[in-house]
Amino acid sequence: MRKLFLLLVAAILVLNLPMFGQDATTGGWTLTVGAGGGVPVGDFNNASNFGIGGVASLGYVADPNFTVSATSGYLHFSGKDVTSGGYTFSTAVNIVPILVGGQYFFMPPGDVRVYGAANAGLYLLSYSASTNVSGVSVSGSTSESKFGVSPTLGAQFKAGDKMNVDVNANYTAVFTDNTTTSWVGFGIGLEFGL
């Protein structure tokens, strides 16, 4: 419950940023849409293969070198066949992140900008598994919501007056019950100035 409260407070701050002082280089909004993938690491790699999905992010330029954002998307990890109790299960994991964060640019506005970002928030995880028992297909699914973080490094390349190509890599850690569900991700997208 505490994590949900912190996420709510962060969302309220993001939505109220337009009330802060603005000048010619701040106060603008950005919309980023992109596609990406992830390679499971640690215990998550034991049951999942490569993941693929998409993401959208709404950002507010609080300073020429700092943007705050709210991000959501969808990521699907196909599963590996897992054997347990003499049965082989096919598994899959679907993940919907709901994150808030900040993006700091290490260089002034220009044609190429390198940045570091930190995102944290709620991850909605949906697990499914199926097997064949004596010729009968058996399947089941479950879901949970967990807190996670995703530090990111990336670069933006100017593609127009109000458009940038964004390329990034991240490490995501979702704090599940007995272990951490984690992956190394990468993405490419377009950022539009609104």
C-alpha atoms as a PDB file:
ATOM      1  CA  MET A   1       0.000   0.000   0.000  1.00  0.00           C
ATOM      2  CA  ARG A   2       2.915   2.335   0.756  1.00  0.00           C
ATOM      3  CA  LYS A   3       4.296   1.812  -2.757  1.00  0.00           C
ATOM      4  CA  LEU A   4       0.936   2.667  -4.296  1.00  0.00           C
ATOM      5  CA  PHE A   5       0.796   5.848  -2.191  1.00  0.00           C
ATOM      6  CA  LEU A   6       4.290   6.892  -3.377  1.00  0.00           C
ATOM      7  CA  LEU A   7       3.294   6.228  -6.994  1.00  0.00           C
ATOM      8  CA  LEU A   8       0.164   8.363  -6.551  1.00  0.00           C
ATOM      9  CA  VAL A   9       2.174  11.243  -5.044  1.00  0.00           C
ATOM     10  CA  ALA A  10       4.650  11.102  -7.943  1.00  0.00           C
ATOM     11  CA  ALA A  11       1.801  11.140 -10.481  1.00  0.00           C
ATOM     12  CA  ILE A  12       0.239  14.197  -8.801  1.00  0.00           C
ATOM     13  CA  LEU A  13       3.575  16.010  -8.966  1.00  0.00           C
ATOM     14  CA  VAL A  14       3.941  15.224 -12.664  1.00  0.00           C
ATOM     15  CA  LEU A  15       0.428  16.464 -13.444  1.00  0.00           C
ATOM     16  CA  ASN A  16       0.993  19.713 -11.512  1.00  0.00           C
ATOM     17  CA  LEU A  17       4.298  20.682 -13.128  1.00  0.00           C
ATOM     18  CA  PRO A  18       2.654  23.234 -15.472  1.00  0.00           C
ATOM     19  CA  MET A  19       2.115  25.437 -12.391  1.00  0.00           C
ATOM     20  CA  PHE A  20       5.902  25.835 -11.954  1.00  0.00           C
ATOM     21  CA  GLY A  21       7.805  28.696 -13.665  1.00  0.00           C
ATOM     22  CA  GLN A  22       8.296  28.392 -17.400  1.00  0.00           C
ATOM     23  CA  ASP A  23      10.500  30.122 -19.947  1.00  0.00           C
ATOM     24  CA  ALA A  24      11.325  29.663 -23.638  1.00  0.00           C
ATOM     25  CA  THR A  25      13.203  26.408 -23.061  1.00  0.00           C
ATOM     26  CA  THR A  26      10.939  24.804 -20.451  1.00  0.00           C
ATOM     27  CA  GLY A  27       7.289  24.107 -19.968  1.00  0.00           C
ATOM     28  CA  GLY A  28       6.824  21.994 -23.074  1.00  0.00           C
ATOM     29  CA  TRP A  29       5.346  18.530 -23.338  1.00  0.00           C
ATOM     30  CA  THR A  30       6.729  15.568 -25.261  1.00  0.00           C
ATOM     31  CA  LEU A  31       5.189  12.308 -26.421  1.00  0.00           C
ATOM     32  CA  THR A  32       7.418   9.317 -27.102  1.00  0.00           C
ATOM     33  CA  VAL A  33       6.203   6.109 -28.749  1.00  0.00           C
ATOM     34  CA  GLY A  34       8.435   3.156 -29.438  1.00  0.00           C
ATOM     35  CA  ALA A  35       9.112  -0.534 -29.628  1.00  0.00           C
ATOM     36  CA  GLY A  36      11.521  -2.617 -27.654  1.00  0.00           C
ATOM     37  CA  GLY A  37      12.567  -5.951 -26.365  1.00  0.00           C
ATOM     38  CA  GLY A  38      14.124  -7.613 -23.366  1.00  0.00           C
ATOM     39  CA  VAL A  39      16.454 -10.474 -22.525  1.00  0.00           C
ATOM     40  CA  PRO A  40      15.601 -12.181 -19.200  1.00  0.00           C
ATOM     41  CA  VAL A  41      18.408 -12.463 -16.654  1.00  0.00           C
ATOM     42  CA  GLY A  42      18.794 -14.318 -13.354  1.00  0.00           C
ATOM     43  CA  ASP A  43      15.965 -16.612 -12.259  1.00  0.00           C
ATOM     44  CA  PHE A  44      13.619 -15.067 -14.840  1.00  0.00           C
ATOM     45  CA  ASN A  45      15.863 -16.527 -17.564  1.00  0.00           C
ATOM     46  CA  ASN A  46      15.087 -20.056 -16.312  1.00  0.00           C
ATOM     47  CA  ALA A  47      11.445 -19.840 -17.444  1.00  0.00           C
ATOM     48  CA  SER A  48      11.320 -17.101 -20.106  1.00  0.00           C
ATOM     49  CA  ASN A  49      12.741 -16.356 -23.522  1.00  0.00           C
ATOM     50  CA  PHE A  50      13.171 -13.044 -25.300  1.00  0.00           C
ATOM     51  CA  GLY A  51      10.401 -10.451 -24.806  1.00  0.00           C
ATOM     52  CA  ILE A  52       9.012  -7.884 -27.224  1.00  0.00           C
ATOM     53  CA  GLY A  53       6.537  -5.025 -26.908  1.00  0.00           C
ATOM     54  CA  GLY A  54       5.806  -1.319 -27.129  1.00  0.00           C
ATOM     55  CA  VAL A  55       5.822   1.738 -24.900  1.00  0.00           C
ATOM     56  CA  ALA A  56       4.431   5.272 -24.756  1.00  0.00           C
ATOM     57  CA  SER A  57       5.662   8.090 -22.537  1.00  0.00           C
ATOM     58  CA  LEU A  58       4.342  11.574 -21.811  1.00  0.00           C
ATOM     59  CA  GLY A  59       7.065  13.955 -20.651  1.00  0.00           C
ATOM     60  CA  TYR A  60       7.213  17.469 -19.246  1.00  0.00           C
ATOM     61  CA  VAL A  61      10.365  19.538 -19.891  1.00  0.00           C
ATOM     62  CA  ALA A  62      11.018  21.029 -16.453  1.00  0.00           C
ATOM     63  CA  ASP A  63      14.483  22.293 -17.452  1.00  0.00           C
ATOM     64  CA  PRO A  64      16.441  22.176 -20.753  1.00  0.00           C
ATOM     65  CA  ASN A  65      18.390  19.221 -19.337  1.00  0.00           C
ATOM     66  CA  PHE A  66      15.662  17.526 -17.263  1.00  0.00           C
ATOM     67  CA  THR A  67      12.329  15.970 -18.208  1.00  0.00           C
ATOM     68  CA  VAL A  68       9.858  14.202 -15.915  1.00  0.00           C
ATOM     69  CA  SER A  69       7.657  11.516 -17.420  1.00  0.00           C
ATOM     70  CA  ALA A  70       4.841   9.031 -17.032  1.00  0.00           C
ATOM     71  CA  THR A  71       5.258   5.802 -19.007  1.00  0.00           C
ATOM     72  CA  SER A  72       3.191   2.741 -19.828  1.00  0.00           C
ATOM     73  CA  GLY A  73       3.354  -0.065 -22.346  1.00  0.00           C
ATOM     74  CA  TYR A  74       3.139  -3.794 -22.912  1.00  0.00           C
ATOM     75  CA  LEU A  75       5.836  -6.492 -22.996  1.00  0.00           C
ATOM     76  CA  HIS A  76       5.338 -10.182 -23.810  1.00  0.00           C
ATOM     77  CA  PHE A  77       7.913 -12.810 -22.845  1.00  0.00           C
ATOM     78  CA  SER A  78       7.419 -16.185 -24.474  1.00  0.00           C
ATOM     79  CA  GLY A  79       8.153 -19.035 -22.141  1.00  0.00           C
ATOM     80  CA  LYS A  80      10.542 -21.906 -22.085  1.00  0.00           C
ATOM     81  CA  ASP A  81       9.290 -25.426 -21.524  1.00  0.00           C
ATOM     82  CA  VAL A  82       9.585 -26.124 -17.793  1.00  0.00           C
ATOM     83  CA  THR A  83       9.438 -29.656 -16.314  1.00  0.00           C
ATOM     84  CA  SER A  84       7.898 -30.113 -12.865  1.00  0.00           C
ATOM     85  CA  GLY A  85       6.389 -33.181 -11.221  1.00  0.00           C
ATOM     86  CA  GLY A  86       6.922 -35.244 -14.379  1.00  0.00           C
ATOM     87  CA  TYR A  87       4.956 -32.796 -16.573  1.00  0.00           C
ATOM     88  CA  THR A  88       6.310 -30.308 -19.080  1.00  0.00           C
ATOM     89  CA  PHE A  89       4.687 -26.862 -19.031  1.00  0.00           C
ATOM     90  CA  SER A  90       4.788 -24.142 -21.693  1.00  0.00           C
ATOM     91  CA  THR A  91       4.834 -20.729 -20.032  1.00  0.00           C
ATOM     92  CA  ALA A  92       4.436 -17.049 -20.960  1.00  0.00           C
ATOM     93  CA  VAL A  93       4.560 -13.723 -19.101  1.00  0.00           C
ATOM     94  CA  ASN A  94       2.811 -10.481 -20.072  1.00  0.00           C
ATOM     95  CA  ILE A  95       3.921  -7.267 -18.347  1.00  0.00           C
ATOM     96  CA  VAL A  96       2.284  -3.820 -18.259  1.00  0.00           C
ATOM     97  CA  PRO A  97       4.453  -1.139 -16.616  1.00  0.00           C
ATOM     98  CA  ILE A  98       2.915   2.021 -15.108  1.00  0.00           C
ATOM     99  CA  LEU A  99       5.897   4.218 -14.266  1.00  0.00           C
ATOM    100  CA  VAL A 100       6.964   7.727 -13.333  1.00  0.00           C
ATOM    101  CA  GLY A 101      10.494   8.973 -13.669  1.00  0.00           C
ATOM    102  CA  GLY A 102      13.024  11.540 -14.724  1.00  0.00           C
ATOM    103  CA  GLN A 103      15.412  11.930 -17.643  1.00  0.00           C
ATOM    104  CA  TYR A 104      18.642  13.942 -17.314  1.00  0.00           C
ATOM    105  CA  PHE A 105      20.538  15.048 -20.434  1.00  0.00           C
ATOM    106  CA  PHE A 106      24.312  15.183 -20.028  1.00  0.00           C
ATOM    107  CA  MET A 107      24.741  17.792 -22.785  1.00  0.00           C
ATOM    108  CA  PRO A 108      22.929  20.976 -23.890  1.00  0.00           C
ATOM    109  CA  PRO A 109      20.243  20.910 -26.619  1.00  0.00           C
ATOM    110  CA  GLY A 110      21.712  19.919 -29.966  1.00  0.00           C
ATOM    111  CA  ASP A 111      21.536  17.384 -32.780  1.00  0.00           C
ATOM    112  CA  VAL A 112      22.648  14.504 -30.504  1.00  0.00           C
ATOM    113  CA  ARG A 113      21.985  14.257 -26.756  1.00  0.00           C
ATOM    114  CA  VAL A 114      22.968  11.481 -24.348  1.00  0.00           C
ATOM    115  CA  TYR A 115      20.857  10.938 -21.225  1.00  0.00           C
ATOM    116  CA  GLY A 116      20.362   8.854 -18.138  1.00  0.00           C
ATOM    117  CA  ALA A 117      16.893   8.092 -16.781  1.00  0.00           C
ATOM    118  CA  ALA A 118      15.354   6.478 -13.740  1.00  0.00           C
ATOM    119  CA  ASN A 119      11.814   5.089 -13.748  1.00  0.00           C
ATOM    120  CA  ALA A 120       9.925   3.383 -10.938  1.00  0.00           C
ATOM    121  CA  GLY A 121       6.387   2.220 -10.400  1.00  0.00           C
ATOM    122  CA  LEU A 122       3.876  -0.552 -10.686  1.00  0.00           C
ATOM    123  CA  TYR A 123       4.331  -3.592 -12.917  1.00  0.00           C
ATOM    124  CA  LEU A 124       1.237  -5.663 -13.727  1.00  0.00           C
ATOM    125  CA  LEU A 125       2.417  -9.236 -14.375  1.00  0.00           C
ATOM    126  CA  SER A 126       0.248 -11.931 -15.921  1.00  0.00           C
ATOM    127  CA  TYR A 127       1.563 -15.516 -15.996  1.00  0.00           C
ATOM    128  CA  SER A 128       0.148 -18.383 -18.034  1.00  0.00           C
ATOM    129  CA  ALA A 129       1.100 -22.045 -18.339  1.00  0.00           C
ATOM    130  CA  SER A 130      -0.242 -25.020 -20.254  1.00  0.00           C
ATOM    131  CA  THR A 131       0.523 -28.723 -20.495  1.00  0.00           C
ATOM    132  CA  ASN A 132      -0.839 -31.894 -22.014  1.00  0.00           C
ATOM    133  CA  VAL A 133      -1.923 -34.608 -19.557  1.00  0.00           C
ATOM    134  CA  SER A 134      -2.885 -37.942 -21.148  1.00  0.00           C
ATOM    135  CA  GLY A 135      -3.992 -36.202 -24.337  1.00  0.00           C
ATOM    136  CA  VAL A 136      -5.969 -33.489 -22.508  1.00  0.00           C
ATOM    137  CA  SER A 137      -4.739 -29.911 -22.653  1.00  0.00           C
ATOM    138  CA  VAL A 138      -4.617 -28.226 -19.242  1.00  0.00           C
ATOM    139  CA  SER A 139      -3.886 -24.524 -18.753  1.00  0.00           C
ATOM    140  CA  GLY A 140      -3.976 -21.896 -16.056  1.00  0.00           C
ATOM    141  CA  SER A 141      -3.062 -18.303 -15.401  1.00  0.00           C
ATOM    142  CA  THR A 142      -2.499 -15.881 -12.558  1.00  0.00           C
ATOM    143  CA  SER A 143      -1.596 -12.227 -12.176  1.00  0.00           C
ATOM    144  CA  GLU A 144      -0.009  -9.902  -9.638  1.00  0.00           C
ATOM    145  CA  SER A 145       1.083  -6.278  -9.242  1.00  0.00           C
ATOM    146  CA  LYS A 146       4.596  -5.520  -8.005  1.00  0.00           C
ATOM    147  CA  PHE A 147       6.916  -2.554  -7.551  1.00  0.00           C
ATOM    148  CA  GLY A 148       9.931  -2.230  -9.832  1.00  0.00           C
ATOM    149  CA  VAL A 149      12.665   0.082 -11.089  1.00  0.00           C
ATOM    150  CA  SER A 150      14.232   0.651 -14.484  1.00  0.00           C
ATOM    151  CA  PRO A 151      17.449   2.712 -14.807  1.00  0.00           C
ATOM    152  CA  THR A 152      18.113   3.648 -18.442  1.00  0.00           C
ATOM    153  CA  LEU A 153      20.877   5.039 -20.656  1.00  0.00           C
ATOM    154  CA  GLY A 154      20.021   6.445 -24.059  1.00  0.00           C
ATOM    155  CA  ALA A 155      20.618   8.931 -26.828  1.00  0.00           C
ATOM    156  CA  GLN A 156      18.365  11.161 -28.894  1.00  0.00           C
ATOM    157  CA  PHE A 157      19.074  12.189 -32.477  1.00  0.00           C
ATOM    158  CA  LYS A 158      17.371  15.231 -33.995  1.00  0.00           C
ATOM    159  CA  ALA A 159      15.043  14.167 -36.832  1.00  0.00           C
ATOM    160  CA  GLY A 160      13.072  17.396 -37.349  1.00  0.00           C
ATOM    161  CA  ASP A 161      12.015  20.648 -35.696  1.00  0.00           C
ATOM    162  CA  LYS A 162       9.948  18.885 -33.032  1.00  0.00           C
ATOM    163  CA  MET A 163      10.995  15.262 -33.456  1.00  0.00           C
ATOM    164  CA  ASN A 164      13.855  13.098 -32.140  1.00  0.00           C
ATOM    165  CA  VAL A 165      14.797   9.466 -32.648  1.00  0.00           C
ATOM    166  CA  ASP A 166      15.329   7.883 -29.227  1.00  0.00           C
ATOM    167  CA  VAL A 167      17.566   4.811 -28.734  1.00  0.00           C
ATOM    168  CA  ASN A 168      17.983   3.348 -25.242  1.00  0.00           C
ATOM    169  CA  ALA A 169      19.006   0.401 -23.099  1.00  0.00           C
ATOM    170  CA  ASN A 170      17.793  -0.392 -19.575  1.00  0.00           C
ATOM    171  CA  TYR A 171      17.945  -2.849 -16.731  1.00  0.00           C
ATOM    172  CA  THR A 172      14.540  -3.585 -15.192  1.00  0.00           C
ATOM    173  CA  ALA A 173      14.075  -5.225 -11.789  1.00  0.00           C
ATOM    174  CA  VAL A 174      10.574  -6.120 -10.582  1.00  0.00           C
ATOM    175  CA  PHE A 175      10.536  -7.169  -6.934  1.00  0.00           C
ATOM    176  CA  THR A 176       8.401 -10.319  -6.960  1.00  0.00           C
ATOM    177  CA  ASP A 177       7.787 -12.509  -3.904  1.00  0.00           C
ATOM    178  CA  ASN A 178      10.701 -14.964  -3.762  1.00  0.00           C
ATOM    179  CA  THR A 179      13.039 -13.463  -6.337  1.00  0.00           C
ATOM    180  CA  THR A 180      13.528 -10.491  -8.636  1.00  0.00           C
ATOM    181  CA  THR A 181      12.051 -10.684 -12.124  1.00  0.00           C
ATOM    182  CA  SER A 182      14.641  -8.846 -14.185  1.00  0.00           C
ATOM    183  CA  TRP A 183      15.706  -8.278 -17.771  1.00  0.00           C
ATOM    184  CA  VAL A 184      18.034  -6.196 -19.901  1.00  0.00           C
ATOM    185  CA  GLY A 185      15.935  -4.173 -22.310  1.00  0.00           C
ATOM    186  CA  PHE A 186      16.490  -2.039 -25.369  1.00  0.00           C
ATOM    187  CA  GLY A 187      14.234   0.210 -27.376  1.00  0.00           C
ATOM    188  CA  ILE A 188      13.881   2.619 -30.251  1.00  0.00           C
ATOM    189  CA  GLY A 189      11.195   5.246 -30.668  1.00  0.00           C
ATOM    190  CA  LEU A 190      10.181   8.700 -31.803  1.00  0.00           C
ATOM    191  CA  GLU A 191       9.810  11.667 -29.465  1.00  0.00           C
ATOM    192  CA  PHE A 192       7.470  14.453 -30.589  1.00  0.00           C
ATOM    193  CA  GLY A 193       7.334  17.952 -29.107  1.00  0.00           C
ATOM    194  CA  LEU A 194       3.727  18.924 -28.363  1.00  0.00           C
END
